[in-house]
Protein backbone atom coordinates (compact mmCIF):
# COMPACT_ATOMS: atom_id res chain seq x y z
CA MET A 1 22.81 61.02 104.66
CA ARG A 2 24.93 59.72 101.80
CA CYS A 3 23.25 57.35 99.39
CA CYS A 4 23.85 55.81 95.98
CA PRO A 5 25.52 57.55 92.97
CA THR A 6 22.24 59.08 91.77
CA GLU A 7 21.67 60.41 95.29
CA ASN A 8 24.76 62.66 95.64
CA ARG A 9 27.20 59.84 96.37
CA PRO A 10 30.71 60.72 95.06
CA THR A 11 31.19 59.97 91.38
CA ARG A 12 32.82 56.63 90.65
CA VAL A 13 36.29 57.03 89.13
CA TRP A 14 37.18 54.10 86.87
CA TRP A 15 40.93 54.21 87.47
CA LYS A 16 40.45 54.20 91.26
CA GLU A 17 38.21 51.15 90.97
CA TRP A 18 40.85 49.45 88.84
CA LEU A 19 43.53 50.14 91.48
CA ASN A 20 41.26 48.72 94.16
CA ALA A 21 40.68 45.57 92.11
CA VAL A 22 44.31 44.73 91.33
CA SER A 23 47.65 44.43 93.12
CA ALA A 24 49.26 47.87 92.70
CA PRO A 25 52.90 46.56 92.69
CA GLN A 26 52.02 44.00 90.02
CA ALA A 27 50.22 46.60 87.90
CA LEU A 28 53.16 49.04 88.19
CA ALA A 29 55.73 46.34 87.37
CA ALA A 30 53.68 45.22 84.35
CA LEU A 31 53.39 48.81 83.11
CA VAL A 32 57.11 49.64 83.48
CA GLY A 33 58.13 46.26 82.06
CA ALA A 34 55.87 46.78 79.04
CA ALA A 35 57.45 50.23 78.48
CA PHE A 36 60.97 48.72 78.43
CA LEU A 37 59.79 45.91 76.15
CA LEU A 38 58.30 48.43 73.72
CA ALA A 39 61.53 50.47 73.84
CA GLY A 40 63.50 47.32 73.08
CA TRP A 41 61.37 46.62 70.01
CA VAL A 42 61.94 50.18 68.74
CA LEU A 43 65.70 50.10 69.39
CA ALA A 44 66.00 46.69 67.74
CA LEU A 45 65.51 48.45 64.41
CA GLY A 46 68.93 50.18 64.67
CA GLN A 47 70.50 49.88 68.13
CA ARG A 48 70.43 46.15 68.80
CA GLU A 49 72.85 46.34 71.76
CA PHE A 50 70.68 48.80 73.62
CA SER A 51 67.56 46.82 72.76
CA GLN A 52 69.03 43.80 74.59
CA TRP A 53 69.49 45.92 77.74
CA CYS A 54 65.85 47.06 77.47
CA TYR A 55 64.71 43.45 77.13
CA LEU A 56 66.76 42.50 80.20
CA ALA A 57 65.28 45.39 82.20
CA ALA A 58 61.76 44.39 81.12
CA ALA A 59 62.34 40.77 82.14
CA LEU A 60 63.76 41.71 85.56
CA ILE A 61 61.16 44.37 86.41
CA ALA A 62 58.11 42.38 85.26
CA GLY A 63 59.64 39.20 86.67
CA LEU A 64 60.19 40.65 90.14
CA PRO A 65 56.59 40.13 91.41
CA ILE A 66 56.62 36.64 89.89
CA PHE A 67 59.89 35.74 91.64
CA TYR A 68 58.52 37.17 94.90
CA GLU A 69 55.42 34.95 94.70
CA CYS A 70 57.63 32.00 93.81
CA VAL A 71 59.84 32.48 96.89
CA GLU A 72 56.82 32.96 99.19
CA ASN A 73 55.21 29.76 97.93
CA LEU A 74 58.44 27.78 98.30
CA ARG A 75 58.80 29.07 101.87
CA GLN A 76 55.36 27.59 102.54
CA ARG A 77 56.47 24.37 100.83
CA GLN A 78 54.08 24.87 97.93
CA ILE A 79 55.15 24.32 94.34
CA SER A 80 52.93 26.72 92.42
CA MET A 81 52.69 27.86 88.81
CA GLU A 82 54.92 30.87 89.71
CA VAL A 83 57.76 28.35 90.14
CA LEU A 84 57.37 27.24 86.52
CA VAL A 85 57.19 30.80 85.21
CA ALA A 86 60.22 31.88 87.28
CA LEU A 87 62.21 28.90 85.96
CA ALA A 88 61.19 29.73 82.39
CA ILE A 89 62.26 33.40 82.74
CA THR A 90 65.56 32.42 84.42
CA ALA A 91 66.38 29.81 81.79
CA SER A 92 65.60 32.27 78.97
CA LEU A 93 67.97 34.86 80.42
CA LEU A 94 70.75 32.31 81.07
CA ILE A 95 70.81 31.18 77.45
CA GLY A 96 70.76 34.79 76.20
CA GLU A 97 67.12 34.80 75.03
CA TYR A 98 66.48 38.21 76.62
CA HIS A 99 63.65 38.99 74.23
CA ALA A 100 61.85 35.74 75.09
CA GLY A 101 62.40 36.30 78.83
CA ALA A 102 61.01 39.84 78.58
CA VAL A 103 57.92 38.77 76.62
CA ILE A 104 57.25 35.90 79.02
CA ALA A 105 57.56 38.10 82.13
CA VAL A 106 55.58 41.08 80.80
CA LEU A 107 52.86 38.99 79.17
CA LEU A 108 52.28 36.66 82.10
CA LEU A 109 52.31 39.49 84.66
CA THR A 110 49.97 41.59 82.51
CA GLY A 111 47.73 38.56 82.15
CA SER A 112 47.69 38.17 85.93
CA VAL A 113 46.60 41.80 86.34
CA LEU A 114 43.89 41.39 83.68
CA GLU A 115 42.67 38.22 85.42
CA GLN A 116 42.36 40.17 88.68
CA LEU A 117 40.30 42.84 86.92
CA THR A 118 38.11 40.30 85.15
CA VAL A 119 37.46 38.20 88.25
CA ALA A 120 36.71 41.41 90.19
CA LYS A 121 33.77 41.90 87.84
CA ALA A 122 32.13 38.87 89.46
CA GLN A 123 32.29 40.74 92.77
CA SER A 124 30.39 43.74 91.39
CA ALA A 125 27.02 42.62 92.76
CA LEU A 126 28.46 42.39 96.27
CA THR A 127 30.09 45.81 95.88
CA SER A 128 26.79 47.25 94.65
CA LEU A 129 25.02 45.82 97.70
CA LEU A 130 27.52 47.42 100.06
CA ARG A 131 27.16 50.78 98.29
CA MET A 132 23.45 50.75 99.13
CA MET A 133 24.16 50.96 102.86
CA PRO A 134 24.15 54.65 103.86
CA GLU A 135 27.21 55.91 105.70
CA THR A 136 25.23 58.09 108.13
CA ALA A 137 21.77 58.10 109.70
CA LEU A 138 19.52 60.92 110.96
CA VAL A 139 18.65 60.03 114.59
CA ARG A 140 15.76 61.81 116.33
CA LYS A 141 16.29 62.07 120.09
CA ASP A 142 14.65 64.40 122.61
CA GLY A 143 13.03 66.35 119.78
CA GLU A 144 16.34 66.99 118.01
CA ASP A 145 17.63 65.45 114.77
CA ARG A 146 21.31 64.58 114.69
CA GLU A 147 23.23 62.97 111.83
CA VAL A 148 25.56 60.26 113.13
CA PRO A 149 27.85 57.66 111.49
CA ILE A 150 26.01 54.44 110.77
CA GLY A 151 28.28 52.55 113.18
CA GLN A 152 26.91 54.61 116.10
CA VAL A 153 23.24 53.79 115.51
CA GLN A 154 21.80 51.56 118.23
CA ILE A 155 18.80 49.26 118.44
CA GLY A 156 15.79 51.27 119.62
CA ASP A 157 16.92 54.54 118.03
CA ARG A 158 14.30 56.46 116.06
CA ILE A 159 15.61 57.07 112.54
CA VAL A 160 14.28 59.77 110.20
CA VAL A 161 14.42 58.77 106.52
CA ARG A 162 13.88 61.69 104.20
CA LEU A 163 12.62 61.66 100.62
CA GLY A 164 15.23 60.22 98.22
CA GLU A 165 17.35 58.65 100.96
CA ARG A 166 18.07 55.00 101.66
CA VAL A 167 16.88 53.35 104.87
CA PRO A 168 19.96 52.76 107.10
CA VAL A 169 18.50 50.06 109.40
CA ASP A 170 16.03 47.18 109.52
CA GLY A 171 13.05 48.32 111.55
CA VAL A 172 9.37 49.16 111.82
CA ILE A 173 7.73 52.40 110.66
CA VAL A 174 6.37 54.39 113.62
CA ALA A 175 5.33 57.51 111.68
CA GLY A 176 4.73 58.47 108.07
CA GLU A 177 4.00 56.58 104.88
CA SER A 178 5.85 56.19 101.59
CA ALA A 179 6.61 53.94 98.64
CA LEU A 180 9.91 52.09 98.97
CA ASP A 181 12.11 50.51 96.31
CA GLU A 182 13.17 47.17 97.91
CA SER A 183 14.60 45.60 94.74
CA ALA A 184 18.09 45.22 96.23
CA ILE A 185 16.75 43.00 99.01
CA THR A 186 13.67 41.24 97.65
CA GLY A 187 14.17 41.50 93.88
CA GLU A 188 10.71 43.09 93.61
CA SER A 189 10.94 45.60 90.75
CA MET A 190 7.84 47.63 91.69
CA PRO A 191 7.85 50.04 94.66
CA VAL A 192 6.03 48.80 97.77
CA ASP A 193 3.69 51.07 99.74
CA LYS A 194 4.57 51.21 103.44
CA SER A 195 2.87 52.79 106.45
CA VAL A 196 2.93 52.65 110.25
CA GLY A 197 3.57 49.12 111.54
CA ASP A 198 5.23 47.85 108.33
CA LYS A 199 8.76 46.45 108.28
CA VAL A 200 11.49 48.15 106.28
CA PHE A 201 14.92 46.89 105.24
CA ALA A 202 18.26 48.68 105.19
CA GLY A 203 19.21 49.68 101.65
CA SER A 204 15.61 50.35 100.56
CA LEU A 205 15.14 53.64 98.70
CA ASN A 206 12.51 56.05 100.08
CA LEU A 207 10.60 57.39 97.07
CA THR A 208 7.61 59.49 98.12
CA GLY A 209 7.51 60.58 101.79
CA VAL A 210 9.26 61.08 105.12
CA LEU A 211 9.42 58.12 107.52
CA GLU A 212 10.30 57.59 111.14
CA VAL A 213 11.65 54.10 111.78
CA ASP A 214 12.27 52.25 115.03
CA ALA A 215 15.67 50.54 114.55
CA GLN A 216 15.52 46.78 115.23
CA ARG A 217 18.66 45.62 113.39
CA VAL A 218 21.73 47.70 112.65
CA GLY A 219 25.04 47.31 110.82
CA ASP A 220 26.04 43.82 109.75
CA GLU A 221 22.93 42.32 111.38
CA THR A 222 20.54 43.97 108.91
CA THR A 223 19.11 41.84 106.13
CA LEU A 224 21.31 43.66 103.60
CA GLY A 225 24.40 43.14 105.78
CA ARG A 226 23.69 39.44 106.15
CA ILE A 227 23.09 39.11 102.40
CA ALA A 228 26.46 40.75 101.66
CA ARG A 229 28.22 38.51 104.20
CA LEU A 230 26.63 35.32 102.86
CA VAL A 231 27.40 36.20 99.23
CA ALA A 232 31.04 36.86 100.15
CA GLU A 233 31.28 33.56 102.04
CA ALA A 234 29.60 31.68 99.19
CA GLN A 235 31.97 33.10 96.58
CA ALA A 236 34.92 32.01 98.71
CA SER A 237 33.59 28.46 99.11
CA GLN A 238 34.45 25.52 96.90
CA ALA A 239 32.20 23.17 94.98
CA PRO A 240 33.09 19.43 94.96
CA ILE A 241 34.03 19.66 91.28
CA GLN A 242 36.33 22.56 92.16
CA ARG A 243 38.10 20.56 94.86
CA LEU A 244 38.56 17.72 92.36
CA ALA A 245 40.11 20.10 89.81
CA ASP A 246 42.40 21.58 92.46
CA ARG A 247 43.66 18.11 93.42
CA TYR A 248 44.58 17.36 89.82
CA ALA A 249 46.14 20.82 89.44
CA ARG A 250 48.58 20.04 92.28
CA TRP A 251 50.06 17.27 90.16
CA TYR A 252 50.49 19.60 87.20
CA VAL A 253 53.55 21.45 88.51
CA PRO A 254 55.73 18.38 89.16
CA ALA A 255 54.43 16.87 85.90
CA SER A 256 55.40 20.08 84.05
CA LEU A 257 58.94 19.98 85.45
CA PHE A 258 59.32 16.33 84.53
CA LEU A 259 57.90 16.83 81.04
CA ALA A 260 60.09 19.89 80.34
CA ALA A 261 63.19 17.98 81.47
CA LEU A 262 62.18 15.00 79.32
CA VAL A 263 61.71 17.17 76.21
CA TRP A 264 65.08 18.85 76.84
CA TRP A 265 66.77 15.46 77.27
CA LEU A 266 65.16 13.92 74.16
CA THR A 267 65.74 16.91 71.86
CA GLY A 268 68.82 18.48 73.43
CA ASP A 269 67.07 21.84 72.96
CA LEU A 270 66.64 23.87 76.18
CA VAL A 271 64.31 26.35 74.42
CA ARG A 272 61.79 23.56 73.82
CA GLY A 273 61.93 22.64 77.49
CA ILE A 274 61.33 26.27 78.48
CA THR A 275 58.32 26.44 76.14
CA VAL A 276 56.87 23.30 77.74
CA LEU A 277 57.22 24.90 81.19
CA ILE A 278 55.24 27.92 80.01
CA VAL A 279 52.40 26.21 78.15
CA PHE A 280 51.88 23.42 80.69
CA CYS A 281 51.16 25.78 83.62
CA PRO A 282 47.75 24.85 85.10
CA CYS A 283 46.40 28.42 85.26
CA ALA A 284 43.36 27.78 83.06
CA LEU A 285 42.49 24.55 84.89
CA VAL A 286 42.77 26.18 88.33
CA LEU A 287 40.57 29.10 87.20
CA ALA A 288 38.03 26.88 85.42
CA THR A 289 35.72 26.26 88.38
CA PRO A 290 36.04 29.13 90.91
CA THR A 291 35.34 31.81 88.31
CA ALA A 292 32.22 29.99 87.12
CA VAL A 293 30.96 29.38 90.67
CA ALA A 294 31.58 33.00 91.71
CA ALA A 295 29.82 34.31 88.60
CA ALA A 296 26.82 32.00 89.13
CA ILE A 297 26.44 32.93 92.81
CA THR A 298 26.68 36.61 91.88
CA HIS A 299 24.05 36.18 89.16
CA ALA A 300 21.72 34.49 91.66
CA ALA A 301 22.29 37.27 94.21
CA ARG A 302 21.24 39.84 91.63
CA LYS A 303 17.95 37.93 91.37
CA ALA A 304 17.49 38.03 95.18
CA VAL A 305 18.47 34.37 95.56
CA LEU A 306 21.19 33.62 98.13
CA VAL A 307 23.16 30.45 97.41
CA LYS A 308 25.25 29.63 100.49
CA GLY A 309 28.17 28.02 98.65
CA GLY A 310 29.56 26.42 95.52
CA GLU A 311 28.56 22.93 96.67
CA PHE A 312 24.90 24.01 96.78
CA MET A 313 25.07 25.66 93.36
CA GLU A 314 26.38 22.37 91.98
CA ALA A 315 23.90 20.20 93.93
CA VAL A 316 20.85 22.10 92.64
CA GLY A 317 21.65 20.92 89.12
CA GLN A 318 21.48 17.28 90.30
CA VAL A 319 18.01 17.58 91.90
CA ASN A 320 15.37 15.30 90.37
CA LEU A 321 12.57 15.76 92.92
CA VAL A 322 11.24 19.02 94.35
CA ALA A 323 8.99 18.82 97.41
CA LEU A 324 6.89 21.95 97.92
CA ASP A 325 5.16 22.98 101.11
CA LYS A 326 1.65 24.27 100.41
CA THR A 327 0.92 27.22 102.68
CA GLY A 328 3.05 30.24 101.87
CA THR A 329 4.90 28.47 99.05
CA LEU A 330 2.26 27.32 96.57
CA THR A 331 -0.42 29.53 98.07
CA VAL A 332 -0.30 33.20 99.03
CA GLY A 333 -0.02 32.17 102.67
CA LYS A 334 -2.72 34.62 103.78
CA PRO A 335 -5.90 32.57 104.12
CA LYS A 336 -9.17 34.35 104.76
CA VAL A 337 -12.17 33.24 106.76
CA THR A 338 -15.00 32.56 104.30
CA GLU A 339 -17.68 31.26 106.66
CA VAL A 340 -18.39 30.63 110.34
CA ILE A 341 -20.92 27.82 110.86
CA ALA A 342 -22.74 27.41 114.18
CA LEU A 343 -23.67 23.84 115.10
CA ASP A 344 -25.10 24.70 118.53
CA THR A 345 -26.71 27.60 120.37
CA LEU A 346 -23.76 29.99 120.03
CA SER A 347 -23.94 32.65 117.28
CA PRO A 348 -21.31 32.80 114.50
CA ASP A 349 -19.90 36.05 115.98
CA GLU A 350 -19.56 34.48 119.43
CA LEU A 351 -17.85 31.44 117.92
CA LEU A 352 -15.42 33.65 116.01
CA ARG A 353 -14.74 35.76 119.13
CA LEU A 354 -13.86 32.67 121.19
CA ALA A 355 -11.73 31.20 118.39
CA ALA A 356 -9.80 34.48 117.94
CA GLY A 357 -9.24 34.65 121.71
CA ALA A 358 -7.82 31.12 121.72
CA GLU A 359 -5.60 31.97 118.72
CA ARG A 360 -4.46 35.23 120.34
CA PHE A 361 -0.79 34.21 120.55
CA SER A 362 -0.63 31.95 117.48
CA GLU A 363 1.73 32.85 114.61
CA HIS A 364 0.23 30.23 112.29
CA PRO A 365 -1.36 31.74 109.13
CA LEU A 366 -4.74 30.19 110.00
CA GLY A 367 -4.65 31.66 113.50
CA GLN A 368 -3.75 35.07 112.10
CA ALA A 369 -6.63 34.82 109.62
CA ILE A 370 -9.10 34.10 112.43
CA ARG A 371 -7.86 37.09 114.43
CA GLN A 372 -8.09 39.31 111.33
CA ALA A 373 -11.70 38.21 110.70
CA ALA A 374 -12.62 39.05 114.30
CA LYS A 375 -10.92 42.43 113.96
CA GLU A 376 -12.86 43.21 110.77
CA ARG A 377 -16.12 42.44 112.61
CA GLN A 378 -14.90 44.57 115.54
CA LEU A 379 -15.35 41.74 118.03
CA PRO A 380 -13.70 42.20 121.47
CA LEU A 381 -11.32 39.33 122.18
CA PRO A 382 -11.41 37.53 125.54
CA GLU A 383 -8.11 37.09 127.39
CA PRO A 384 -7.17 33.40 127.69
CA THR A 385 -6.03 32.21 131.11
CA THR A 386 -3.94 29.39 129.61
CA VAL A 387 -2.89 28.64 126.03
CA ARG A 388 -1.18 25.53 124.68
CA LEU A 389 -0.07 25.62 121.04
CA VAL A 390 0.39 22.13 119.62
CA PRO A 391 2.47 22.38 116.38
CA GLY A 392 0.76 20.71 113.45
CA ARG A 393 -2.37 19.92 115.46
CA GLY A 394 -4.13 22.90 117.01
CA VAL A 395 -4.68 25.17 120.02
CA ASP A 396 -5.89 24.26 123.52
CA ALA A 397 -6.97 27.31 125.56
CA HIS A 398 -9.09 28.22 128.57
CA LEU A 399 -11.44 31.20 128.15
CA ASN A 400 -14.09 32.41 130.57
CA GLY A 401 -13.80 29.20 132.55
CA GLN A 402 -14.31 27.04 129.45
CA ARG A 403 -11.88 24.80 127.57
CA VAL A 404 -11.73 25.83 123.89
CA LEU A 405 -9.99 23.65 121.31
CA ILE A 406 -9.42 24.49 117.64
CA GLY A 407 -7.54 22.23 115.26
CA ARG A 408 -7.47 19.05 113.28
CA LEU A 409 -10.49 16.77 113.55
CA HIS A 410 -8.27 13.76 114.32
CA TRP A 411 -6.51 15.67 117.12
CA LEU A 412 -9.84 16.76 118.65
CA SER A 413 -10.93 13.15 118.63
CA GLU A 414 -7.71 12.20 120.47
CA GLN A 415 -8.58 14.81 123.11
CA GLY A 416 -11.87 13.03 123.82
CA ILE A 417 -14.10 15.46 121.91
CA ALA A 418 -17.38 14.04 120.64
CA ILE A 419 -17.84 14.49 116.87
CA SER A 420 -21.40 14.43 115.59
CA ASP A 421 -22.50 13.12 112.19
CA LEU A 422 -23.68 16.64 111.31
CA ALA A 423 -20.18 18.02 111.94
CA ARG A 424 -18.59 15.30 109.82
CA ARG A 425 -21.02 15.90 106.91
CA CYS A 426 -20.41 19.68 106.97
CA ILE A 427 -16.63 19.25 107.10
CA THR A 428 -16.66 16.82 104.18
CA GLU A 429 -18.83 19.15 102.09
CA ILE A 430 -16.72 22.27 102.75
CA GLU A 431 -13.41 20.49 102.20
CA GLY A 432 -14.73 19.17 98.90
CA GLN A 433 -14.85 22.82 97.79
CA GLY A 434 -11.10 23.16 98.41
CA GLN A 435 -11.46 25.02 101.70
CA THR A 436 -9.78 24.33 105.02
CA VAL A 437 -12.11 23.67 107.97
CA LEU A 438 -11.20 24.18 111.62
CA PRO A 439 -13.68 22.65 114.09
CA ILE A 440 -14.25 24.57 117.34
CA ALA A 441 -14.89 22.51 120.48
CA ILE A 442 -16.02 23.82 123.83
CA ASN A 443 -15.46 21.48 126.76
CA ASP A 444 -16.33 18.07 125.31
CA ARG A 445 -18.17 18.66 121.98
CA ILE A 446 -17.85 20.48 118.65
CA VAL A 447 -20.03 23.59 118.56
CA GLY A 448 -19.00 25.19 115.28
CA LEU A 449 -16.78 25.29 112.21
CA ILE A 450 -14.61 27.97 110.63
CA ALA A 451 -13.99 27.70 106.87
CA LEU A 452 -10.92 29.34 105.36
CA ARG A 453 -9.56 29.61 101.85
CA ASP A 454 -6.08 30.35 100.59
CA THR A 455 -5.38 31.23 96.95
CA LEU A 456 -2.77 29.82 94.61
CA ARG A 457 0.09 32.14 93.71
CA PRO A 458 -0.27 33.44 90.13
CA GLU A 459 3.18 32.22 88.99
CA VAL A 460 2.84 28.68 90.39
CA LYS A 461 1.32 26.95 87.34
CA ASP A 462 4.04 28.17 84.97
CA ALA A 463 6.78 27.38 87.52
CA ILE A 464 5.51 23.79 87.97
CA ALA A 465 5.24 23.30 84.20
CA THR A 466 8.83 24.54 83.75
CA LEU A 467 10.14 22.23 86.48
CA LYS A 468 8.47 19.27 84.78
CA ALA A 469 9.94 20.33 81.43
CA LEU A 470 13.38 20.25 83.09
CA GLY A 471 12.76 16.60 84.00
CA VAL A 472 12.14 17.26 87.70
CA LYS A 473 9.39 15.45 89.58
CA VAL A 474 7.22 17.74 91.73
CA ALA A 475 5.44 16.71 94.94
CA MET A 476 3.32 18.70 97.38
CA VAL A 477 3.61 18.14 101.13
CA THR A 478 1.22 19.75 103.59
CA GLY A 479 -0.28 19.47 107.02
CA ASP A 480 -3.69 20.21 105.52
CA ASN A 481 -6.29 17.50 104.88
CA GLU A 482 -6.46 15.27 101.80
CA ARG A 483 -9.41 16.98 100.08
CA VAL A 484 -8.00 20.51 100.33
CA ALA A 485 -4.51 19.30 99.36
CA HIS A 486 -5.78 17.50 96.23
CA ALA A 487 -7.89 20.53 95.22
CA ILE A 488 -4.85 22.85 95.39
CA ALA A 489 -2.62 20.25 93.71
CA ALA A 490 -5.08 19.82 90.83
CA GLU A 491 -5.15 23.58 90.30
CA ALA A 492 -1.33 23.69 90.27
CA SER A 493 -1.01 20.54 88.08
CA ILE A 494 0.90 18.60 90.75
CA ASP A 495 0.43 14.83 90.54
CA GLU A 496 1.99 13.61 93.80
CA VAL A 497 0.32 14.82 97.01
CA HIS A 498 1.10 14.04 100.66
CA ALA A 499 -1.34 15.51 103.17
CA ASN A 500 -2.04 15.45 106.93
CA LEU A 501 1.71 15.62 107.63
CA LEU A 502 3.32 16.74 110.84
CA PRO A 503 6.89 18.18 110.75
CA GLU A 504 8.30 14.75 111.64
CA ASP A 505 6.25 13.17 108.83
CA LYS A 506 7.79 15.55 106.28
CA LEU A 507 11.25 14.61 107.55
CA ARG A 508 10.44 10.89 107.24
CA LEU A 509 9.14 11.42 103.70
CA VAL A 510 12.31 13.25 102.61
CA ARG A 511 14.47 10.41 103.94
CA GLN A 512 12.26 7.86 102.21
CA TRP A 513 12.77 9.60 98.86
CA GLN A 514 16.51 9.76 99.46
CA SER A 515 16.61 6.03 100.23
CA GLN A 516 15.09 5.50 96.76
CA GLY A 517 18.03 7.31 95.18
CA LYS A 518 16.27 10.67 94.69
CA LYS A 519 18.10 13.98 94.97
CA VAL A 520 15.57 16.02 96.92
CA ALA A 521 15.11 19.78 97.15
CA PHE A 522 12.65 20.77 99.86
CA VAL A 523 11.02 24.19 99.51
CA GLY A 524 9.36 25.69 102.58
CA ASP A 525 9.14 28.70 104.85
CA GLY A 526 12.28 27.89 106.85
CA VAL A 527 10.53 27.71 110.24
CA ASN A 528 7.86 24.98 110.52
CA ASP A 529 9.64 22.96 107.85
CA ALA A 530 13.09 23.20 109.48
CA PRO A 531 13.61 19.41 109.96
CA ALA A 532 12.78 18.63 106.32
CA LEU A 533 14.84 21.59 105.06
CA ALA A 534 17.84 20.35 107.01
CA ALA A 535 17.49 16.71 105.88
CA ALA A 536 16.94 17.40 102.16
CA ASP A 537 19.87 17.43 99.73
CA ILE A 538 19.01 21.09 99.16
CA GLY A 539 16.89 23.14 101.56
CA ILE A 540 15.31 26.19 99.93
CA ALA A 541 13.58 28.83 102.06
CA MET A 542 11.04 31.01 100.25
CA GLY A 543 10.27 34.60 101.26
CA ALA A 544 13.37 34.77 103.45
CA ALA A 545 13.74 38.58 103.59
CA GLY A 546 13.89 39.52 107.25
CA THR A 547 13.54 35.92 108.47
CA ASP A 548 16.52 34.96 110.63
CA VAL A 549 15.85 31.21 110.66
CA ALA A 550 15.38 31.04 106.89
CA ILE A 551 18.50 33.01 105.97
CA GLU A 552 20.76 31.24 108.45
CA THR A 553 19.59 27.61 108.17
CA ALA A 554 18.57 27.02 104.55
CA ASP A 555 21.14 26.09 101.88
CA ILE A 556 19.47 28.55 99.53
CA ALA A 557 17.30 31.51 100.55
CA VAL A 558 14.92 33.07 98.03
CA MET A 559 14.26 36.55 99.37
CA THR A 560 10.79 36.80 97.78
CA ASP A 561 7.79 34.47 97.54
CA ASP A 562 8.17 34.17 93.74
CA LEU A 563 8.25 30.44 92.92
CA SER A 564 9.34 31.16 89.33
CA LYS A 565 12.84 31.74 90.72
CA LEU A 566 13.09 28.00 91.44
CA PRO A 567 13.27 26.79 87.79
CA GLU A 568 15.53 29.78 87.05
CA LEU A 569 17.88 28.53 89.76
CA LEU A 570 17.90 24.99 88.34
CA ARG A 571 18.68 26.31 84.85
CA LEU A 572 21.48 28.48 86.26
CA SER A 573 22.99 25.45 88.00
CA HIS A 574 22.82 23.40 84.78
CA ARG A 575 24.51 26.25 82.87
CA THR A 576 27.18 26.54 85.56
CA LEU A 577 28.06 22.85 85.37
CA ARG A 578 28.22 23.05 81.57
CA VAL A 579 30.54 26.05 81.71
CA ILE A 580 32.80 24.34 84.28
CA TRP A 581 33.18 21.22 82.14
CA GLN A 582 33.70 23.36 79.02
CA ASN A 583 36.50 25.21 80.82
CA ILE A 584 38.14 22.03 82.09
CA ALA A 585 37.95 20.31 78.69
CA PHE A 586 39.27 23.42 76.93
CA SER A 587 42.20 23.96 79.34
CA VAL A 588 43.29 20.31 79.24
CA THR A 589 43.03 20.19 75.43
CA VAL A 590 45.03 23.40 74.98
CA ASN A 591 47.71 22.18 77.38
CA ILE A 592 48.15 18.83 75.60
CA ALA A 593 48.17 20.43 72.14
CA SER A 594 50.64 23.11 73.28
CA VAL A 595 53.04 20.54 74.76
CA ILE A 596 53.03 18.61 71.49
CA ALA A 597 53.61 21.85 69.55
CA ALA A 598 56.45 22.84 71.90
CA GLY A 599 58.09 19.41 71.64
CA MET A 600 57.94 19.61 67.82
CA LYS A 601 59.34 23.20 67.98
CA TRP A 602 56.26 24.56 66.19
CA ILE A 603 56.04 27.29 68.84
CA ASP A 604 58.71 29.17 70.80
CA PRO A 605 58.58 30.57 74.38
CA VAL A 606 57.00 33.84 73.18
CA TRP A 607 54.11 32.05 71.47
CA GLY A 608 53.91 29.73 74.46
CA ALA A 609 53.31 32.75 76.71
CA PHE A 610 50.59 34.04 74.36
CA ILE A 611 48.86 30.65 74.32
CA HIS A 612 49.15 30.31 78.11
CA GLU A 613 47.57 33.67 78.86
CA GLY A 614 45.04 33.36 76.04
CA SER A 615 43.69 30.08 77.42
CA ALA A 616 43.42 31.50 80.95
CA MET A 617 41.55 34.57 79.73
CA ALA A 618 39.27 32.44 77.56
CA VAL A 619 38.32 30.35 80.58
CA ILE A 620 37.53 33.46 82.66
CA LEU A 621 35.52 35.13 79.90
CA ASN A 622 33.55 31.94 79.33
CA ALA A 623 32.72 31.82 83.06
CA LEU A 624 31.65 35.46 83.07
CA ARG A 625 28.89 34.61 80.58
CA LEU A 626 27.04 33.34 83.66
CA LEU A 627 26.70 36.93 84.86
CA ARG A 628 24.30 37.66 82.02
């Protein structure tokens, strides 16, 4: 199996990567044109006639790709910047300014090649992701191991991953144990111990043992494949500010032609008009936004944060209210049963056994915690005859001929369950300690209580404090009860709390904030919170690695459960907007100043070409600061 460079992958050759990043005809034309230009400078010292022929050759060779682009754009009825450059080169040659024409053609074409190389740097994270996908996989079938191309691996195949190799599929370990480096997918820097039953992701590096993996996702459908696809789509998308800049840029070409003609008419000097054509090209303005957006999205991807498009990267910076779901976002999301309280004749173990049986098919964290507690006590679970899961409320099941209900106290009351004063007092007391209480009812009365506790994530306090320092209001929304919600909120230093919410209540709350003029980012798990995630200005799914709904539906998917990435994302968005406006202001200022200088004949076409390319490169380099 072929892996990354440190794992016997072929050595990267810099010149091959350069050729892949740029247009080969343009690079060749720029190189040959530069050689003729250099020869012309040398011959100008003694053989001026021959130097003119070298200048002409340089202008024609380097100008050929520019003229080709110009013709193609005109055929599509688009007046692009290549039209201006082609006119400038043609005019220079017609008036005998071969040297100026050569410099303009070689410099602008070389600048175009350098821009391609520089912008390609923003794609490096995507390229690195794709390199982490092995090209072959070792498939075990009928007792034999056979290495096959990755494209031939099918769902259900058993894959052998040897020490030092990368996992080629998303799947579940069926044999072996090892430590895996999942940093490419989750951003987690420390290796993660994995054993039978654990999920693994394609691109993870196997560090300590041999694994056998049951393939569940292959090829482009793996988490790594979807990440690569989404990053590529996001980099190709446009932010609103980018579309605005592009609209203004379309007016630049006709304005440049008009301005150059006006300068020529006023001064009677064609050279000044040519210089105006060169310096007024909108290259820097057109590049101002897309380079910054691509760099920012790439930077976020390196941190295991998938931003679905430029519009979302821009919108994050405008958020002034962040609504956080509690379970799995603020808390670890793995509550544990702390106490089982019998209120009737049944023993605590029997209560827990019945509750775990009713929760047998529940995927809710509380249901999973109840099943885990029963497993730890080695209690046999009864098989329910019927189960009804009521989202946001509870579970209604029939076990051993009895109706068993577990859920919210208010919901149990709606179902006609009698609630004793003793049960109410116990619930109030336990909830006052910051624990969640699930009453258990059999037939028509509450017979016991299960107390559970979830813990706050260690990074939450600092993340909340940073969000507040950025001027963002923070609110907690949860389906849990008021007392538990306020206890967790107090620990996390969150002032605004909304508890006892169903999914539709969270949606209504988001719309209420928006009606008050708030820009809302909703942060949840991407499944139960789907309506609120969709309605918010920005929907952010936490812990999205391997979660189809989260990756596909949220505007932004954070591949880990690390809440500290949220303020990092806001700061990155703020920086991106600053860089975009810096680039736009710089490009417009340079263009205006250069036109004035050209009109006053302070600069000639050669200096105009230097200024033109210098401003474009400055804009790109400024945008690439976002990669740091």
